């Protein structure tokens, strides 16, 4: 299993599609060096970088078998705060 992180990018720029693409590309190169040719992609959380990360993995020469969203979904969630009285 290989993962990447936004090493060079700091602050608010970590959430950009460019940073996601760079991170995914680095992980794909590392996986390719280990001999991996086919991958299953798991994406978590909302954000603009999801599609660009998947595109970067595909452009790195890896075959994507499946894309799975593992974002946690609350079944009922936390209790909301009480109503404000003015």
PDB file of N, CA and C in Angstrom:
ATOM      1  N   UNK A   1       0.849  -1.167   0.000  1.00  0.00           N
ATOM      2  CA  UNK A   1       0.000   0.000   0.000  1.00  0.00           C
ATOM      3  C   UNK A   1       0.899   1.236   0.000  1.00  0.00           C
ATOM      4  N   UNK A   2       0.555   2.188  -0.836  1.00  0.00           N
ATOM      5  CA  UNK A   2       1.352   3.395  -0.991  1.00  0.00           C
ATOM      6  C   UNK A   2       0.449   4.597  -0.769  1.00  0.00           C
ATOM      7  N   UNK A   3       0.976   5.624  -0.102  1.00  0.00           N
ATOM      8  CA  UNK A   3       0.219   6.858   0.072  1.00  0.00           C
ATOM      9  C   UNK A   3       1.157   8.025  -0.169  1.00  0.00           C
ATOM     10  N   UNK A   4       0.577   9.178  -0.410  1.00  0.00           N
ATOM     11  CA  UNK A   4       1.382  10.371  -0.622  1.00  0.00           C
ATOM     12  C   UNK A   4       0.944  11.474   0.308  1.00  0.00           C
ATOM     13  N   UNK A   5       1.776  12.487   0.423  1.00  0.00           N
ATOM     14  CA  UNK A   5       1.412  13.632   1.248  1.00  0.00           C
ATOM     15  C   UNK A   5       1.875  14.899   0.549  1.00  0.00           C
ATOM     16  N   UNK A   6       1.245  15.988   0.888  1.00  0.00           N
ATOM     17  CA  UNK A   6       1.571  17.276   0.269  1.00  0.00           C
ATOM     18  C   UNK A   6       2.830  17.816   0.938  1.00  0.00           C
ATOM     19  N   UNK A   7       3.973  17.341   0.514  1.00  0.00           N
ATOM     20  CA  UNK A   7       5.230  17.663   1.176  1.00  0.00           C
ATOM     21  C   UNK A   7       5.695  19.083   0.954  1.00  0.00           C
ATOM     22  N   UNK A   8       5.710  19.529  -0.293  1.00  0.00           N
ATOM     23  CA  UNK A   8       6.228  20.863  -0.593  1.00  0.00           C
ATOM     24  C   UNK A   8       5.202  21.960  -0.357  1.00  0.00           C
ATOM     25  N   UNK A   9       3.924  21.612  -0.407  1.00  0.00           N
ATOM     26  CA  UNK A   9       2.869  22.607  -0.326  1.00  0.00           C
ATOM     27  C   UNK A   9       2.488  22.821   1.138  1.00  0.00           C
ATOM     28  N   UNK A  10       2.328  24.081   1.526  1.00  0.00           N
ATOM     29  CA  UNK A  10       2.019  24.392   2.920  1.00  0.00           C
ATOM     30  C   UNK A  10       0.794  25.278   3.008  1.00  0.00           C
ATOM     31  N   UNK A  11       0.149  25.231   4.157  1.00  0.00           N
ATOM     32  CA  UNK A  11      -0.961  26.142   4.435  1.00  0.00           C
ATOM     33  C   UNK A  11      -2.213  25.816   3.645  1.00  0.00           C
ATOM     34  N   UNK A  12      -2.896  26.857   3.201  1.00  0.00           N
ATOM     35  CA  UNK A  12      -4.169  26.698   2.504  1.00  0.00           C
ATOM     36  C   UNK A  12      -3.998  26.085   1.124  1.00  0.00           C
ATOM     37  N   UNK A  13      -2.790  26.096   0.588  1.00  0.00           N
ATOM     38  CA  UNK A  13      -2.554  25.553  -0.755  1.00  0.00           C
ATOM     39  C   UNK A  13      -2.607  24.031  -0.780  1.00  0.00           C
ATOM     40  N   UNK A  14      -2.629  23.389   0.409  1.00  0.00           N
ATOM     41  CA  UNK A  14      -2.697  21.938   0.452  1.00  0.00           C
ATOM     42  C   UNK A  14      -4.029  21.410  -0.072  1.00  0.00           C
ATOM     43  N   UNK A  15      -5.069  22.218  -0.026  1.00  0.00           N
ATOM     44  CA  UNK A  15      -6.391  21.780  -0.463  1.00  0.00           C
ATOM     45  C   UNK A  15      -6.688  22.045  -1.919  1.00  0.00           C
ATOM     46  N   UNK A  16      -5.704  22.400  -2.713  1.00  0.00           N
ATOM     47  CA  UNK A  16      -5.933  22.737  -4.110  1.00  0.00           C
ATOM     48  C   UNK A  16      -5.812  21.489  -4.993  1.00  0.00           C
ATOM     49  N   UNK A  17      -6.425  21.524  -6.174  1.00  0.00           N
ATOM     50  CA  UNK A  17      -6.287  20.393  -7.092  1.00  0.00           C
ATOM     51  C   UNK A  17      -4.840  20.154  -7.526  1.00  0.00           C
ATOM     52  N   UNK A  18      -4.042  21.208  -7.622  1.00  0.00           N
ATOM     53  CA  UNK A  18      -2.628  21.053  -7.996  1.00  0.00           C
ATOM     54  C   UNK A  18      -1.887  20.210  -6.962  1.00  0.00           C
ATOM     55  N   UNK A  19      -2.089  20.515  -5.680  1.00  0.00           N
ATOM     56  CA  UNK A  19      -1.411  19.773  -4.618  1.00  0.00           C
ATOM     57  C   UNK A  19      -1.864  18.317  -4.600  1.00  0.00           C
ATOM     58  N   UNK A  20      -3.148  18.081  -4.833  1.00  0.00           N
ATOM     59  CA  UNK A  20      -3.659  16.709  -4.862  1.00  0.00           C
ATOM     60  C   UNK A  20      -3.054  15.933  -6.020  1.00  0.00           C
ATOM     61  N   UNK A  21      -2.914  16.598  -7.160  1.00  0.00           N
ATOM     62  CA  UNK A  21      -2.310  15.937  -8.316  1.00  0.00           C
ATOM     63  C   UNK A  21      -0.858  15.590  -8.086  1.00  0.00           C
ATOM     64  N   UNK A  22      -0.113  16.512  -7.487  1.00  0.00           N
ATOM     65  CA  UNK A  22       1.301  16.258  -7.201  1.00  0.00           C
ATOM     66  C   UNK A  22       1.467  15.102  -6.209  1.00  0.00           C
ATOM     67  N   UNK A  23       0.617  15.087  -5.206  1.00  0.00           N
ATOM     68  CA  UNK A  23       0.662  14.043  -4.182  1.00  0.00           C
ATOM     69  C   UNK A  23       0.345  12.675  -4.798  1.00  0.00           C
ATOM     70  N   UNK A  24      -0.699  12.621  -5.618  1.00  0.00           N
ATOM     71  CA  UNK A  24      -1.087  11.367  -6.247  1.00  0.00           C
ATOM     72  C   UNK A  24      -0.031  10.900  -7.250  1.00  0.00           C
ATOM     73  N   UNK A  25       0.570  11.844  -7.945  1.00  0.00           N
ATOM     74  CA  UNK A  25       1.610  11.484  -8.910  1.00  0.00           C
ATOM     75  C   UNK A  25       2.823  10.878  -8.215  1.00  0.00           C
ATOM     76  N   UNK A  26       3.219  11.450  -7.079  1.00  0.00           N
ATOM     77  CA  UNK A  26       4.352  10.911  -6.325  1.00  0.00           C
ATOM     78  C   UNK A  26       4.042   9.509  -5.807  1.00  0.00           C
ATOM     79  N   UNK A  27       2.808   9.295  -5.327  1.00  0.00           N
ATOM     80  CA  UNK A  27       2.421   7.972  -4.842  1.00  0.00           C
ATOM     81  C   UNK A  27       2.383   6.964  -5.988  1.00  0.00           C
ATOM     82  N   UNK A  28       1.920   7.404  -7.159  1.00  0.00           N
ATOM     83  CA  UNK A  28       1.853   6.500  -8.315  1.00  0.00           C
ATOM     84  C   UNK A  28       3.248   6.099  -8.782  1.00  0.00           C
ATOM     85  N   UNK A  29       4.185   7.033  -8.760  1.00  0.00           N
ATOM     86  CA  UNK A  29       5.557   6.705  -9.148  1.00  0.00           C
ATOM     87  C   UNK A  29       6.176   5.711  -8.182  1.00  0.00           C
ATOM     88  N   UNK A  30       5.909   5.899  -6.887  1.00  0.00           N
ATOM     89  CA  UNK A  30       6.436   4.979  -5.884  1.00  0.00           C
ATOM     90  C   UNK A  30       5.838   3.582  -6.057  1.00  0.00           C
ATOM     91  N   UNK A  31       4.533   3.525  -6.366  1.00  0.00           N
ATOM     92  CA  UNK A  31       3.884   2.231  -6.583  1.00  0.00           C
ATOM     93  C   UNK A  31       4.418   1.568  -7.848  1.00  0.00           C
ATOM     94  N   UNK A  32       4.657   2.360  -8.884  1.00  0.00           N
ATOM     95  CA  UNK A  32       5.213   1.808 -10.120  1.00  0.00           C
ATOM     96  C   UNK A  32       6.600   1.249  -9.919  1.00  0.00           C
ATOM     97  N   UNK A  33       7.388   1.884  -9.052  1.00  0.00           N
ATOM     98  CA  UNK A  33       8.730   1.388  -8.763  1.00  0.00           C
ATOM     99  C   UNK A  33       8.686   0.046  -8.033  1.00  0.00           C
ATOM    100  N   UNK A  34       7.601  -0.192  -7.296  1.00  0.00           N
ATOM    101  CA  UNK A  34       7.438  -1.464  -6.590  1.00  0.00           C
ATOM    102  C   UNK A  34       6.862  -2.549  -7.485  1.00  0.00           C
ATOM    103  N   UNK A  35       6.506  -2.201  -8.726  1.00  0.00           N
ATOM    104  CA  UNK A  35       5.991  -3.195  -9.660  1.00  0.00           C
ATOM    105  C   UNK A  35       4.478  -3.254  -9.742  1.00  0.00           C
ATOM    106  N   UNK A  36       3.797  -2.291  -9.169  1.00  0.00           N
ATOM    107  CA  UNK A  36       2.330  -2.281  -9.204  1.00  0.00           C
ATOM    108  C   UNK A  36       1.871  -1.716 -10.540  1.00  0.00           C
ATOM    109  N   UNK A  37       0.927  -2.394 -11.188  1.00  0.00           N
ATOM    110  CA  UNK A  37       0.403  -1.920 -12.473  1.00  0.00           C
ATOM    111  C   UNK A  37      -1.090  -1.608 -12.399  1.00  0.00           C
ATOM    112  N   UNK A  38      -1.831  -2.314 -11.541  1.00  0.00           N
ATOM    113  CA  UNK A  38      -3.272  -2.116 -11.408  1.00  0.00           C
ATOM    114  C   UNK A  38      -3.583  -1.689  -9.977  1.00  0.00           C
ATOM    115  N   UNK A  39      -4.438  -0.672  -9.826  1.00  0.00           N
ATOM    116  CA  UNK A  39      -4.720  -0.135  -8.496  1.00  0.00           C
ATOM    117  C   UNK A  39      -6.219   0.020  -8.279  1.00  0.00           C
ATOM    118  N   UNK A  40      -6.601   0.006  -7.018  1.00  0.00           N
ATOM    119  CA  UNK A  40      -7.944   0.368  -6.588  1.00  0.00           C
ATOM    120  C   UNK A  40      -7.807   1.673  -5.814  1.00  0.00           C
ATOM    121  N   UNK A  41      -8.519   2.699  -6.229  1.00  0.00           N
ATOM    122  CA  UNK A  41      -8.382   4.023  -5.637  1.00  0.00           C
ATOM    123  C   UNK A  41      -9.486   4.225  -4.617  1.00  0.00           C
ATOM    124  N   UNK A  42      -9.121   4.708  -3.423  1.00  0.00           N
ATOM    125  CA  UNK A  42     -10.084   5.060  -2.381  1.00  0.00           C
ATOM    126  C   UNK A  42      -9.926   6.544  -2.078  1.00  0.00           C
ATOM    127  N   UNK A  43     -10.999   7.298  -2.263  1.00  0.00           N
ATOM    128  CA  UNK A  43     -10.965   8.728  -1.979  1.00  0.00           C
ATOM    129  C   UNK A  43     -11.857   9.005  -0.777  1.00  0.00           C
ATOM    130  N   UNK A  44     -11.428   9.949   0.040  1.00  0.00           N
ATOM    131  CA  UNK A  44     -12.159  10.275   1.258  1.00  0.00           C
ATOM    132  C   UNK A  44     -12.315  11.778   1.380  1.00  0.00           C
ATOM    133  N   UNK A  45     -13.504  12.200   1.723  1.00  0.00           N
ATOM    134  CA  UNK A  45     -13.762  13.605   1.994  1.00  0.00           C
ATOM    135  C   UNK A  45     -14.081  14.420   0.753  1.00  0.00           C
ATOM    136  N   UNK A  46     -14.779  15.529   0.956  1.00  0.00           N
ATOM    137  CA  UNK A  46     -15.089  16.415  -0.174  1.00  0.00           C
ATOM    138  C   UNK A  46     -13.882  17.268  -0.514  1.00  0.00           C
ATOM    139  N   UNK A  47     -13.912  17.850  -1.683  1.00  0.00           N
ATOM    140  CA  UNK A  47     -12.817  18.743  -2.044  1.00  0.00           C
ATOM    141  C   UNK A  47     -12.594  18.784  -3.538  1.00  0.00           C
ATOM    142  N   UNK A  48     -11.904  19.816  -3.977  1.00  0.00           N
ATOM    143  CA  UNK A  48     -11.683  19.985  -5.415  1.00  0.00           C
ATOM    144  C   UNK A  48     -10.589  19.084  -5.979  1.00  0.00           C
ATOM    145  N   UNK A  49      -9.824  18.415  -5.130  1.00  0.00           N
ATOM    146  CA  UNK A  49      -8.682  17.661  -5.617  1.00  0.00           C
ATOM    147  C   UNK A  49      -8.951  16.212  -5.953  1.00  0.00           C
ATOM    148  N   UNK A  50     -10.155  15.746  -5.767  1.00  0.00           N
ATOM    149  CA  UNK A  50     -10.445  14.327  -5.984  1.00  0.00           C
ATOM    150  C   UNK A  50     -10.224  13.915  -7.435  1.00  0.00           C
ATOM    151  N   UNK A  51     -10.834  14.647  -8.363  1.00  0.00           N
ATOM    152  CA  UNK A  51     -10.745  14.275  -9.777  1.00  0.00           C
ATOM    153  C   UNK A  51      -9.320  14.434 -10.309  1.00  0.00           C
ATOM    154  N   UNK A  52      -8.645  15.497  -9.892  1.00  0.00           N
ATOM    155  CA  UNK A  52      -7.282  15.707 -10.383  1.00  0.00           C
ATOM    156  C   UNK A  52      -6.327  14.644  -9.844  1.00  0.00           C
ATOM    157  N   UNK A  53      -6.564  14.160  -8.632  1.00  0.00           N
ATOM    158  CA  UNK A  53      -5.723  13.096  -8.084  1.00  0.00           C
ATOM    159  C   UNK A  53      -5.911  11.804  -8.870  1.00  0.00           C
ATOM    160  N   UNK A  54      -7.153  11.475  -9.186  1.00  0.00           N
ATOM    161  CA  UNK A  54      -7.426  10.258  -9.955  1.00  0.00           C
ATOM    162  C   UNK A  54      -6.841  10.380 -11.359  1.00  0.00           C
ATOM    163  N   UNK A  55      -6.962  11.569 -11.951  1.00  0.00           N
ATOM    164  CA  UNK A  55      -6.408  11.801 -13.280  1.00  0.00           C
ATOM    165  C   UNK A  55      -4.888  11.654 -13.272  1.00  0.00           C
ATOM    166  N   UNK A  56      -4.240  12.131 -12.217  1.00  0.00           N
ATOM    167  CA  UNK A  56      -2.781  12.030 -12.118  1.00  0.00           C
ATOM    168  C   UNK A  56      -2.334  10.577 -12.002  1.00  0.00           C
ATOM    169  N   UNK A  57      -3.089   9.775 -11.271  1.00  0.00           N
ATOM    170  CA  UNK A  57      -2.755   8.355 -11.145  1.00  0.00           C
ATOM    171  C   UNK A  57      -2.874   7.670 -12.508  1.00  0.00           C
ATOM    172  N   UNK A  58      -3.928   8.035 -13.249  1.00  0.00           N
ATOM    173  CA  UNK A  58      -4.126   7.447 -14.562  1.00  0.00           C
ATOM    174  C   UNK A  58      -3.031   7.878 -15.538  1.00  0.00           C
ATOM    175  N   UNK A  59      -2.622   9.145 -15.469  1.00  0.00           N
ATOM    176  CA  UNK A  59      -1.582   9.649 -16.363  1.00  0.00           C
ATOM    177  C   UNK A  59      -0.209   9.074 -16.035  1.00  0.00           C
ATOM    178  N   UNK A  60      -0.039   8.568 -14.816  1.00  0.00           N
ATOM    179  CA  UNK A  60       1.243   7.975 -14.432  1.00  0.00           C
ATOM    180  C   UNK A  60       1.422   6.577 -15.008  1.00  0.00           C
ATOM    181  N   UNK A  61       0.381   6.057 -15.667  1.00  0.00           N
ATOM    182  CA  UNK A  61       0.508   4.758 -16.312  1.00  0.00           C
ATOM    183  C   UNK A  61      -0.068   3.601 -15.530  1.00  0.00           C
ATOM    184  N   UNK A  62      -0.774   3.866 -14.453  1.00  0.00           N
ATOM    185  CA  UNK A  62      -1.390   2.795 -13.677  1.00  0.00           C
ATOM    186  C   UNK A  62      -2.818   2.570 -14.161  1.00  0.00           C
ATOM    187  N   UNK A  63      -3.237   1.302 -14.190  1.00  0.00           N
ATOM    188  CA  UNK A  63      -4.607   0.961 -14.553  1.00  0.00           C
ATOM    189  C   UNK A  63      -5.480   1.011 -13.314  1.00  0.00           C
ATOM    190  N   UNK A  64      -6.558   1.785 -13.373  1.00  0.00           N
ATOM    191  CA  UNK A  64      -7.461   1.924 -12.238  1.00  0.00           C
ATOM    192  C   UNK A  64      -8.564   0.886 -12.374  1.00  0.00           C
ATOM    193  N   UNK A  65      -8.632  -0.034 -11.417  1.00  0.00           N
ATOM    194  CA  UNK A  65      -9.653  -1.079 -11.439  1.00  0.00           C
ATOM    195  C   UNK A  65     -10.975  -0.561 -10.891  1.00  0.00           C
ATOM    196  N   UNK A  66     -10.921   0.181  -9.797  1.00  0.00           N
ATOM    197  CA  UNK A  66     -12.144   0.716  -9.204  1.00  0.00           C
ATOM    198  C   UNK A  66     -11.824   1.985  -8.434  1.00  0.00           C
ATOM    199  N   UNK A  67     -12.830   2.834  -8.318  1.00  0.00           N
ATOM    200  CA  UNK A  67     -12.736   4.056  -7.523  1.00  0.00           C
ATOM    201  C   UNK A  67     -13.806   3.957  -6.450  1.00  0.00           C
ATOM    202  N   UNK A  68     -13.376   4.056  -5.187  1.00  0.00           N
ATOM    203  CA  UNK A  68     -14.311   3.872  -4.079  1.00  0.00           C
ATOM    204  C   UNK A  68     -14.273   5.087  -3.168  1.00  0.00           C
ATOM    205  N   UNK A  69     -15.446   5.586  -2.815  1.00  0.00           N
ATOM    206  CA  UNK A  69     -15.553   6.728  -1.912  1.00  0.00           C
ATOM    207  C   UNK A  69     -15.720   6.204  -0.497  1.00  0.00           C
ATOM    208  N   UNK A  70     -14.761   6.510   0.383  1.00  0.00           N
ATOM    209  CA  UNK A  70     -14.824   6.016   1.759  1.00  0.00           C
ATOM    210  C   UNK A  70     -15.066   7.153   2.743  1.00  0.00           C
ATOM    211  N   UNK A  71     -15.768   8.192   2.288  1.00  0.00           N
ATOM    212  CA  UNK A  71     -16.087   9.318   3.157  1.00  0.00           C
ATOM    213  C   UNK A  71     -17.058   8.853   4.236  1.00  0.00           C
ATOM    214  N   UNK A  72     -16.763   9.100   5.510  1.00  0.00           N
ATOM    215  CA  UNK A  72     -17.698   8.684   6.563  1.00  0.00           C
ATOM    216  C   UNK A  72     -18.986   9.499   6.509  1.00  0.00           C
ATOM    217  N   UNK A  73     -20.113   8.805   6.576  1.00  0.00           N
ATOM    218  CA  UNK A  73     -21.416   9.459   6.525  1.00  0.00           C
ATOM    219  C   UNK A  73     -22.108   9.237   7.866  1.00  0.00           C
ATOM    220  N   UNK A  74     -22.494  10.306   8.565  1.00  0.00           N
ATOM    221  CA  UNK A  74     -23.178  10.135   9.844  1.00  0.00           C
ATOM    222  C   UNK A  74     -24.601   9.604   9.626  1.00  0.00           C
ATOM    223  N   UNK A  75     -25.019   8.665  10.439  1.00  0.00           N
ATOM    224  CA  UNK A  75     -26.374   8.123  10.315  1.00  0.00           C
ATOM    225  C   UNK A  75     -27.388   9.034  10.988  1.00  0.00           C
ATOM    226  N   UNK A  76     -26.989   9.687  12.049  1.00  0.00           N
ATOM    227  CA  UNK A  76     -27.874  10.664  12.667  1.00  0.00           C
ATOM    228  C   UNK A  76     -27.086  11.907  13.062  1.00  0.00           C
ATOM    229  N   UNK A  77     -25.796  11.784  13.209  1.00  0.00           N
ATOM    230  CA  UNK A  77     -24.959  12.929  13.507  1.00  0.00           C
ATOM    231  C   UNK A  77     -24.962  13.317  14.968  1.00  0.00           C
ATOM    232  N   UNK A  78     -24.265  14.399  15.254  1.00  0.00           N
ATOM    233  CA  UNK A  78     -24.198  14.917  16.611  1.00  0.00           C
ATOM    234  C   UNK A  78     -25.452  15.718  16.926  1.00  0.00           C
ATOM    235  N   UNK A  79     -25.701  15.895  18.187  1.00  0.00           N
ATOM    236  CA  UNK A  79     -26.852  16.696  18.588  1.00  0.00           C
ATOM    237  C   UNK A  79     -26.548  18.160  18.307  1.00  0.00           C
ATOM    238  N   UNK A  80     -27.506  18.845  17.704  1.00  0.00           N
ATOM    239  CA  UNK A  80     -27.301  20.239  17.357  1.00  0.00           C
ATOM    240  C   UNK A  80     -27.383  21.110  18.605  1.00  0.00           C
ATOM    241  N   UNK A  81     -26.713  22.264  18.609  1.00  0.00           N
ATOM    242  CA  UNK A  81     -26.743  23.134  19.787  1.00  0.00           C
ATOM    243  C   UNK A  81     -28.142  23.707  20.024  1.00  0.00           C
ATOM    244  N   UNK A  82     -28.407  24.030  21.295  1.00  0.00           N
ATOM    245  CA  UNK A  82     -29.752  24.539  21.605  1.00  0.00           C
ATOM    246  C   UNK A  82     -29.982  25.892  20.962  1.00  0.00           C
ATOM    247  N   UNK A  83     -31.228  26.234  20.763  1.00  0.00           N
ATOM    248  CA  UNK A  83     -31.614  27.474  20.108  1.00  0.00           C
ATOM    249  C   UNK A  83     -31.204  28.681  20.939  1.00  0.00           C
ATOM    250  N   UNK A  84     -30.738  29.714  20.275  1.00  0.00           N
ATOM    251  CA  UNK A  84     -30.293  30.944  20.935  1.00  0.00           C
ATOM    252  C   UNK A  84     -31.503  31.783  21.325  1.00  0.00           C
ATOM    253  N   UNK A  85     -31.526  32.246  22.591  1.00  0.00           N
ATOM    254  CA  UNK A  85     -32.600  33.118  23.048  1.00  0.00           C
ATOM    255  C   UNK A  85     -32.083  34.543  23.131  1.00  0.00           C
ATOM    256  N   UNK A  86     -32.795  35.440  22.518  1.00  0.00           N
ATOM    257  CA  UNK A  86     -32.364  36.835  22.514  1.00  0.00           C
ATOM    258  C   UNK A  86     -33.270  37.664  23.394  1.00  0.00           C
TER     259      UNK A  86
END
